[in-house]
Amino acid sequence: MRGANSRPCAVKLRFCPNSNDLLYPKEDRDRKKLIYACRNCEYKVDANDHCVYLHNIHHTSAETTTIIQDVRTDPTLPRSSEVHCPSCDHGEAVFFSLTTSEGMSLFFQCVACAGKWKDEGSAI
C-alpha cells in the first residue's frame, strides 16, 4: 500500500500460513535480501519492500514551542551589545529566532530588566 508520494502508508503484519504465528524480519546473508521468517517452523518469504517499521508523526496546529520565560540565564544563547532595550535602554540582550506565522522572527530579551521585544528588521 503506497501513498501519493510513493512512501508506504502502513507496514502490514505478516503471518505464517502453517502455524499462524507472526513472521519476523530477518536478513538472508547469502542472497543479501530481507526476508520474513517464522520462529516456530522453517517458513520464509521474501520481503516486498525494505520497510519493516514506519513511524508517522502528526503535528497539530495546537502544538507550540515552549520558550523558557527567562532566557537571560541561558548560557547557550548568543548575546548582542548592539541593541538597546526599549524599556530601560540597557545595551545588552540575549537573542533567539522562532518560526512565527510571518516566517522566521528574531526575538530579544534584555539582560537587565528581562524586557522582551521582536526585531522589526531594518533594510541594509
N, C-alpha and C. Protein backbone atom coordinates (compact mmCIF):
# COMPACT_ATOMS: atom_id res chain seq x y z
N MET A 1 0.85 -1.18 0.00
CA MET A 1 0.00 0.00 0.00
C MET A 1 0.89 1.23 0.00
N ARG A 2 0.75 2.10 -0.97
CA ARG A 2 1.60 3.28 -1.08
C ARG A 2 0.73 4.52 -1.22
N GLY A 3 1.26 5.64 -0.67
CA GLY A 3 0.55 6.91 -0.74
C GLY A 3 0.92 7.66 -1.99
N ALA A 4 0.49 8.91 -2.06
CA ALA A 4 0.71 9.74 -3.24
C ALA A 4 2.18 10.05 -3.48
N ASN A 5 2.97 10.12 -2.41
CA ASN A 5 4.38 10.43 -2.58
C ASN A 5 5.24 9.17 -2.62
N SER A 6 4.65 8.03 -2.96
CA SER A 6 5.28 6.72 -3.12
C SER A 6 5.98 6.22 -1.86
N ARG A 7 5.56 6.65 -0.72
CA ARG A 7 6.03 6.10 0.54
C ARG A 7 4.98 5.13 1.05
N PRO A 8 5.40 4.10 1.79
CA PRO A 8 4.41 3.17 2.32
C PRO A 8 3.48 3.87 3.31
N CYS A 9 2.19 3.59 3.20
CA CYS A 9 1.21 4.19 4.11
C CYS A 9 1.14 3.43 5.42
N ALA A 10 1.39 2.12 5.37
CA ALA A 10 1.35 1.30 6.57
C ALA A 10 2.18 0.05 6.33
N VAL A 11 2.77 -0.45 7.39
CA VAL A 11 3.50 -1.71 7.31
C VAL A 11 2.56 -2.77 7.82
N LYS A 12 2.22 -3.72 6.95
CA LYS A 12 1.25 -4.72 7.38
C LYS A 12 1.97 -5.90 8.02
N LEU A 13 1.30 -6.50 8.98
CA LEU A 13 1.83 -7.67 9.67
C LEU A 13 1.69 -8.88 8.76
N ARG A 14 2.67 -9.76 8.82
CA ARG A 14 2.65 -10.98 8.01
C ARG A 14 2.60 -12.17 8.95
N PHE A 15 1.84 -13.18 8.56
CA PHE A 15 1.66 -14.36 9.41
C PHE A 15 2.03 -15.63 8.66
N CYS A 16 2.52 -16.61 9.40
CA CYS A 16 2.91 -17.89 8.83
C CYS A 16 1.66 -18.67 8.43
N PRO A 17 1.60 -19.20 7.18
CA PRO A 17 0.44 -19.98 6.78
C PRO A 17 0.37 -21.35 7.46
N ASN A 18 1.47 -21.83 8.02
CA ASN A 18 1.50 -23.14 8.69
C ASN A 18 1.08 -23.06 10.14
N SER A 19 1.65 -22.09 10.90
CA SER A 19 1.39 -22.03 12.34
C SER A 19 0.59 -20.81 12.78
N ASN A 20 0.30 -19.91 11.85
CA ASN A 20 -0.41 -18.66 12.15
C ASN A 20 0.35 -17.75 13.12
N ASP A 21 1.65 -17.95 13.24
CA ASP A 21 2.47 -17.09 14.08
C ASP A 21 2.95 -15.90 13.26
N LEU A 22 3.36 -14.88 13.95
CA LEU A 22 3.86 -13.67 13.31
C LEU A 22 5.19 -13.96 12.63
N LEU A 23 5.37 -13.42 11.42
CA LEU A 23 6.63 -13.53 10.71
C LEU A 23 7.49 -12.32 11.08
N TYR A 24 8.76 -12.57 11.37
CA TYR A 24 9.67 -11.53 11.80
C TYR A 24 10.66 -11.20 10.69
N PRO A 25 11.04 -9.92 10.55
CA PRO A 25 12.02 -9.55 9.53
C PRO A 25 13.38 -10.15 9.88
N LYS A 26 14.07 -10.61 8.85
CA LYS A 26 15.36 -11.26 9.05
C LYS A 26 16.20 -11.04 7.79
N GLU A 27 17.49 -11.05 7.95
CA GLU A 27 18.39 -10.87 6.82
C GLU A 27 18.84 -12.23 6.30
N ASP A 28 18.68 -12.43 5.00
CA ASP A 28 19.24 -13.62 4.34
C ASP A 28 20.60 -13.19 3.82
N ARG A 29 21.66 -13.51 4.57
CA ARG A 29 23.01 -13.02 4.25
C ARG A 29 23.56 -13.63 2.96
N ASP A 30 23.16 -14.85 2.65
CA ASP A 30 23.66 -15.49 1.43
C ASP A 30 23.15 -14.77 0.18
N ARG A 31 21.87 -14.46 0.16
CA ARG A 31 21.27 -13.80 -1.00
C ARG A 31 21.25 -12.28 -0.87
N LYS A 32 21.64 -11.77 0.31
CA LYS A 32 21.62 -10.33 0.60
C LYS A 32 20.25 -9.73 0.36
N LYS A 33 19.24 -10.35 0.99
CA LYS A 33 17.85 -9.93 0.86
C LYS A 33 17.19 -9.90 2.22
N LEU A 34 16.17 -9.10 2.32
CA LEU A 34 15.33 -9.07 3.51
C LEU A 34 14.24 -10.11 3.34
N ILE A 35 14.07 -10.94 4.37
CA ILE A 35 13.01 -11.96 4.34
C ILE A 35 12.21 -11.86 5.63
N TYR A 36 11.05 -12.49 5.62
CA TYR A 36 10.26 -12.66 6.82
C TYR A 36 10.26 -14.14 7.15
N ALA A 37 10.56 -14.47 8.41
CA ALA A 37 10.69 -15.87 8.81
C ALA A 37 9.86 -16.16 10.04
N CYS A 38 9.34 -17.38 10.10
CA CYS A 38 8.58 -17.86 11.25
C CYS A 38 9.58 -18.38 12.28
N ARG A 39 9.36 -18.11 13.54
CA ARG A 39 10.26 -18.57 14.59
C ARG A 39 9.91 -19.97 15.07
N ASN A 40 8.78 -20.50 14.62
CA ASN A 40 8.36 -21.83 15.09
C ASN A 40 8.48 -22.91 14.03
N CYS A 41 8.62 -22.54 12.78
CA CYS A 41 8.83 -23.53 11.72
C CYS A 41 9.83 -22.96 10.72
N GLU A 42 10.06 -23.63 9.65
CA GLU A 42 11.07 -23.21 8.67
C GLU A 42 10.52 -22.30 7.57
N TYR A 43 9.29 -21.79 7.71
CA TYR A 43 8.67 -20.98 6.67
C TYR A 43 9.38 -19.64 6.53
N LYS A 44 9.72 -19.27 5.27
CA LYS A 44 10.35 -17.98 4.97
C LYS A 44 9.75 -17.44 3.68
N VAL A 45 9.66 -16.12 3.59
CA VAL A 45 9.16 -15.49 2.38
C VAL A 45 9.95 -14.19 2.16
N ASP A 46 10.24 -13.89 0.89
CA ASP A 46 10.96 -12.66 0.57
C ASP A 46 10.09 -11.44 0.86
N ALA A 47 10.73 -10.38 1.33
CA ALA A 47 10.02 -9.13 1.60
C ALA A 47 9.74 -8.40 0.30
N ASN A 48 8.59 -7.73 0.22
CA ASN A 48 8.22 -6.96 -0.96
C ASN A 48 8.98 -5.63 -1.03
N ASP A 49 9.22 -5.02 0.13
CA ASP A 49 9.98 -3.78 0.18
C ASP A 49 10.90 -3.80 1.39
N HIS A 50 11.65 -2.75 1.59
CA HIS A 50 12.64 -2.73 2.66
C HIS A 50 12.13 -2.10 3.95
N CYS A 51 10.89 -1.69 3.99
CA CYS A 51 10.33 -1.04 5.16
C CYS A 51 9.78 -2.09 6.12
N VAL A 52 10.34 -2.14 7.35
CA VAL A 52 9.84 -3.08 8.35
C VAL A 52 9.14 -2.36 9.49
N TYR A 53 9.33 -1.04 9.58
CA TYR A 53 8.70 -0.25 10.62
C TYR A 53 8.50 1.16 10.08
N LEU A 54 7.34 1.73 10.34
CA LEU A 54 7.03 3.08 9.90
C LEU A 54 6.44 3.85 11.06
N HIS A 55 7.05 4.99 11.37
CA HIS A 55 6.59 5.82 12.47
C HIS A 55 6.19 7.18 11.90
N ASN A 56 4.91 7.44 11.83
CA ASN A 56 4.41 8.73 11.34
C ASN A 56 4.19 9.66 12.52
N ILE A 57 4.70 10.86 12.40
CA ILE A 57 4.50 11.88 13.43
C ILE A 57 3.56 12.92 12.85
N HIS A 58 2.44 13.11 13.50
CA HIS A 58 1.45 14.07 13.05
C HIS A 58 1.48 15.28 13.98
N HIS A 59 1.78 16.43 13.43
CA HIS A 59 1.80 17.66 14.21
C HIS A 59 0.47 18.38 14.02
N THR A 60 -0.02 18.93 15.10
CA THR A 60 -1.27 19.68 15.04
C THR A 60 -0.95 21.17 15.16
N SER A 61 -1.88 21.98 14.76
CA SER A 61 -1.68 23.42 14.85
C SER A 61 -1.67 23.90 16.30
N ALA A 62 -2.17 23.07 17.22
CA ALA A 62 -2.21 23.46 18.62
C ALA A 62 -0.85 23.31 19.29
N GLU A 63 0.07 22.58 18.65
CA GLU A 63 1.40 22.41 19.23
C GLU A 63 2.17 23.72 19.14
N THR A 64 2.83 24.06 20.22
CA THR A 64 3.63 25.28 20.24
C THR A 64 4.99 24.96 20.84
N THR A 65 5.97 25.74 20.47
CA THR A 65 7.29 25.59 21.03
C THR A 65 7.32 26.24 22.40
N THR A 66 7.82 25.53 23.38
CA THR A 66 7.91 26.07 24.73
C THR A 66 9.16 26.92 24.84
N ILE A 67 8.97 28.12 25.29
CA ILE A 67 10.09 29.04 25.48
C ILE A 67 10.24 29.28 26.97
N ILE A 68 11.45 29.15 27.44
CA ILE A 68 11.71 29.45 28.85
C ILE A 68 11.40 30.93 29.06
N GLN A 69 10.69 31.22 30.14
CA GLN A 69 10.26 32.60 30.37
C GLN A 69 11.44 33.55 30.55
N ASP A 70 12.48 33.09 31.23
CA ASP A 70 13.63 33.96 31.47
C ASP A 70 14.83 33.36 30.76
N VAL A 71 15.05 33.75 29.51
CA VAL A 71 16.15 33.20 28.72
C VAL A 71 17.46 33.93 28.98
N ARG A 72 17.43 34.95 29.83
CA ARG A 72 18.65 35.72 30.12
C ARG A 72 19.73 34.85 30.72
N THR A 73 19.34 33.83 31.47
CA THR A 73 20.31 32.99 32.18
C THR A 73 20.78 31.80 31.36
N ASP A 74 20.28 31.63 30.15
CA ASP A 74 20.68 30.50 29.31
C ASP A 74 22.06 30.78 28.71
N PRO A 75 23.08 30.02 29.11
CA PRO A 75 24.43 30.31 28.62
C PRO A 75 24.65 29.89 27.16
N THR A 76 23.74 29.13 26.60
CA THR A 76 23.90 28.67 25.21
C THR A 76 23.39 29.68 24.19
N LEU A 77 22.62 30.66 24.62
CA LEU A 77 22.08 31.65 23.69
C LEU A 77 23.08 32.77 23.46
N PRO A 78 23.14 33.29 22.23
CA PRO A 78 24.07 34.38 21.94
C PRO A 78 23.58 35.70 22.54
N ARG A 79 24.53 36.59 22.76
CA ARG A 79 24.22 37.91 23.31
C ARG A 79 24.65 38.98 22.32
N SER A 80 23.94 40.09 22.36
CA SER A 80 24.27 41.21 21.48
C SER A 80 24.42 42.48 22.31
N SER A 81 25.46 43.23 22.01
CA SER A 81 25.63 44.52 22.68
C SER A 81 25.34 45.66 21.70
N GLU A 82 24.72 45.31 20.57
CA GLU A 82 24.41 46.31 19.54
C GLU A 82 22.94 46.71 19.53
N VAL A 83 22.19 46.29 20.54
CA VAL A 83 20.77 46.65 20.63
C VAL A 83 20.54 47.36 21.96
N HIS A 84 19.46 48.12 22.03
CA HIS A 84 19.10 48.81 23.27
C HIS A 84 17.67 48.43 23.63
N CYS A 85 17.47 48.11 24.88
CA CYS A 85 16.14 47.71 25.37
C CYS A 85 15.18 48.89 25.28
N PRO A 86 13.98 48.67 24.71
CA PRO A 86 13.02 49.77 24.64
C PRO A 86 12.48 50.18 26.00
N SER A 87 12.58 49.28 27.01
CA SER A 87 12.05 49.61 28.35
C SER A 87 13.05 50.37 29.20
N CYS A 88 14.30 49.88 29.28
CA CYS A 88 15.26 50.50 30.20
C CYS A 88 16.50 51.06 29.51
N ASP A 89 16.59 50.91 28.19
CA ASP A 89 17.70 51.43 27.38
C ASP A 89 19.04 50.77 27.69
N HIS A 90 19.00 49.57 28.31
CA HIS A 90 20.24 48.82 28.57
C HIS A 90 20.79 48.34 27.23
N GLY A 91 22.10 48.21 27.12
CA GLY A 91 22.73 47.91 25.84
C GLY A 91 23.15 46.47 25.62
N GLU A 92 22.55 45.51 26.33
CA GLU A 92 22.89 44.11 26.10
C GLU A 92 21.62 43.27 26.18
N ALA A 93 21.50 42.31 25.24
CA ALA A 93 20.32 41.45 25.22
C ALA A 93 20.69 40.07 24.68
N VAL A 94 19.94 39.08 25.12
CA VAL A 94 20.03 37.73 24.58
C VAL A 94 19.08 37.68 23.39
N PHE A 95 19.45 36.94 22.33
CA PHE A 95 18.53 36.85 21.20
C PHE A 95 18.40 35.41 20.72
N PHE A 96 17.23 35.12 20.11
CA PHE A 96 16.93 33.80 19.57
C PHE A 96 15.91 33.97 18.46
N SER A 97 15.82 32.97 17.58
CA SER A 97 14.85 33.04 16.48
C SER A 97 13.79 31.97 16.65
N LEU A 98 12.60 32.29 16.18
CA LEU A 98 11.46 31.38 16.23
C LEU A 98 10.69 31.48 14.92
N THR A 99 10.03 30.40 14.57
CA THR A 99 9.15 30.42 13.42
C THR A 99 7.79 30.92 13.86
N THR A 100 7.33 31.97 13.24
CA THR A 100 6.02 32.54 13.55
C THR A 100 5.15 32.47 12.30
N SER A 101 3.96 32.99 12.40
CA SER A 101 3.06 32.99 11.24
C SER A 101 3.61 33.87 10.11
N GLU A 102 4.51 34.78 10.44
CA GLU A 102 5.11 35.67 9.44
C GLU A 102 6.40 35.09 8.86
N GLY A 103 6.84 33.95 9.36
CA GLY A 103 8.12 33.35 8.96
C GLY A 103 9.06 33.35 10.14
N MET A 104 10.35 33.35 9.88
CA MET A 104 11.35 33.39 10.95
C MET A 104 11.40 34.79 11.55
N SER A 105 11.39 34.85 12.87
CA SER A 105 11.44 36.13 13.57
C SER A 105 12.55 36.09 14.60
N LEU A 106 13.18 37.22 14.83
CA LEU A 106 14.25 37.35 15.80
C LEU A 106 13.70 38.05 17.04
N PHE A 107 13.90 37.42 18.21
CA PHE A 107 13.41 37.97 19.47
C PHE A 107 14.59 38.29 20.37
N PHE A 108 14.44 39.36 21.17
CA PHE A 108 15.46 39.78 22.11
C PHE A 108 14.87 39.79 23.51
N GLN A 109 15.75 39.58 24.52
CA GLN A 109 15.37 39.77 25.91
C GLN A 109 16.51 40.50 26.61
N CYS A 110 16.17 41.61 27.24
CA CYS A 110 17.14 42.44 27.93
C CYS A 110 17.72 41.67 29.13
N VAL A 111 19.04 41.74 29.30
CA VAL A 111 19.67 41.04 30.42
C VAL A 111 19.49 41.80 31.73
N ALA A 112 19.12 43.07 31.66
CA ALA A 112 18.95 43.86 32.88
C ALA A 112 17.53 43.77 33.43
N CYS A 113 16.52 44.07 32.59
CA CYS A 113 15.14 44.15 33.10
C CYS A 113 14.24 43.01 32.62
N ALA A 114 14.76 42.10 31.78
CA ALA A 114 14.02 40.96 31.22
C ALA A 114 12.93 41.39 30.25
N GLY A 115 12.99 42.62 29.78
CA GLY A 115 12.03 43.07 28.76
C GLY A 115 12.24 42.32 27.45
N LYS A 116 11.14 41.98 26.80
CA LYS A 116 11.23 41.22 25.53
C LYS A 116 10.70 42.06 24.38
N TRP A 117 11.32 41.91 23.22
CA TRP A 117 10.83 42.57 22.02
C TRP A 117 11.24 41.78 20.78
N LYS A 118 10.51 42.04 19.73
CA LYS A 118 10.75 41.38 18.45
C LYS A 118 11.49 42.34 17.54
N ASP A 119 12.49 41.82 16.83
CA ASP A 119 13.23 42.64 15.88
C ASP A 119 12.33 42.92 14.68
N GLU A 120 12.12 44.18 14.40
CA GLU A 120 11.29 44.57 13.27
C GLU A 120 12.05 44.55 11.96
N GLY A 121 13.38 44.44 12.05
CA GLY A 121 14.19 44.34 10.85
C GLY A 121 14.36 45.68 10.17
N SER A 122 15.55 45.95 9.75
CA SER A 122 15.80 47.18 9.00
C SER A 122 16.61 46.82 7.78
N ALA A 123 16.27 47.41 6.67
CA ALA A 123 16.97 47.14 5.41
C ALA A 123 18.38 47.69 5.47
N ILE A 124 19.30 46.94 4.91
CA ILE A 124 20.71 47.36 4.92
C ILE A 124 21.04 48.03 3.61
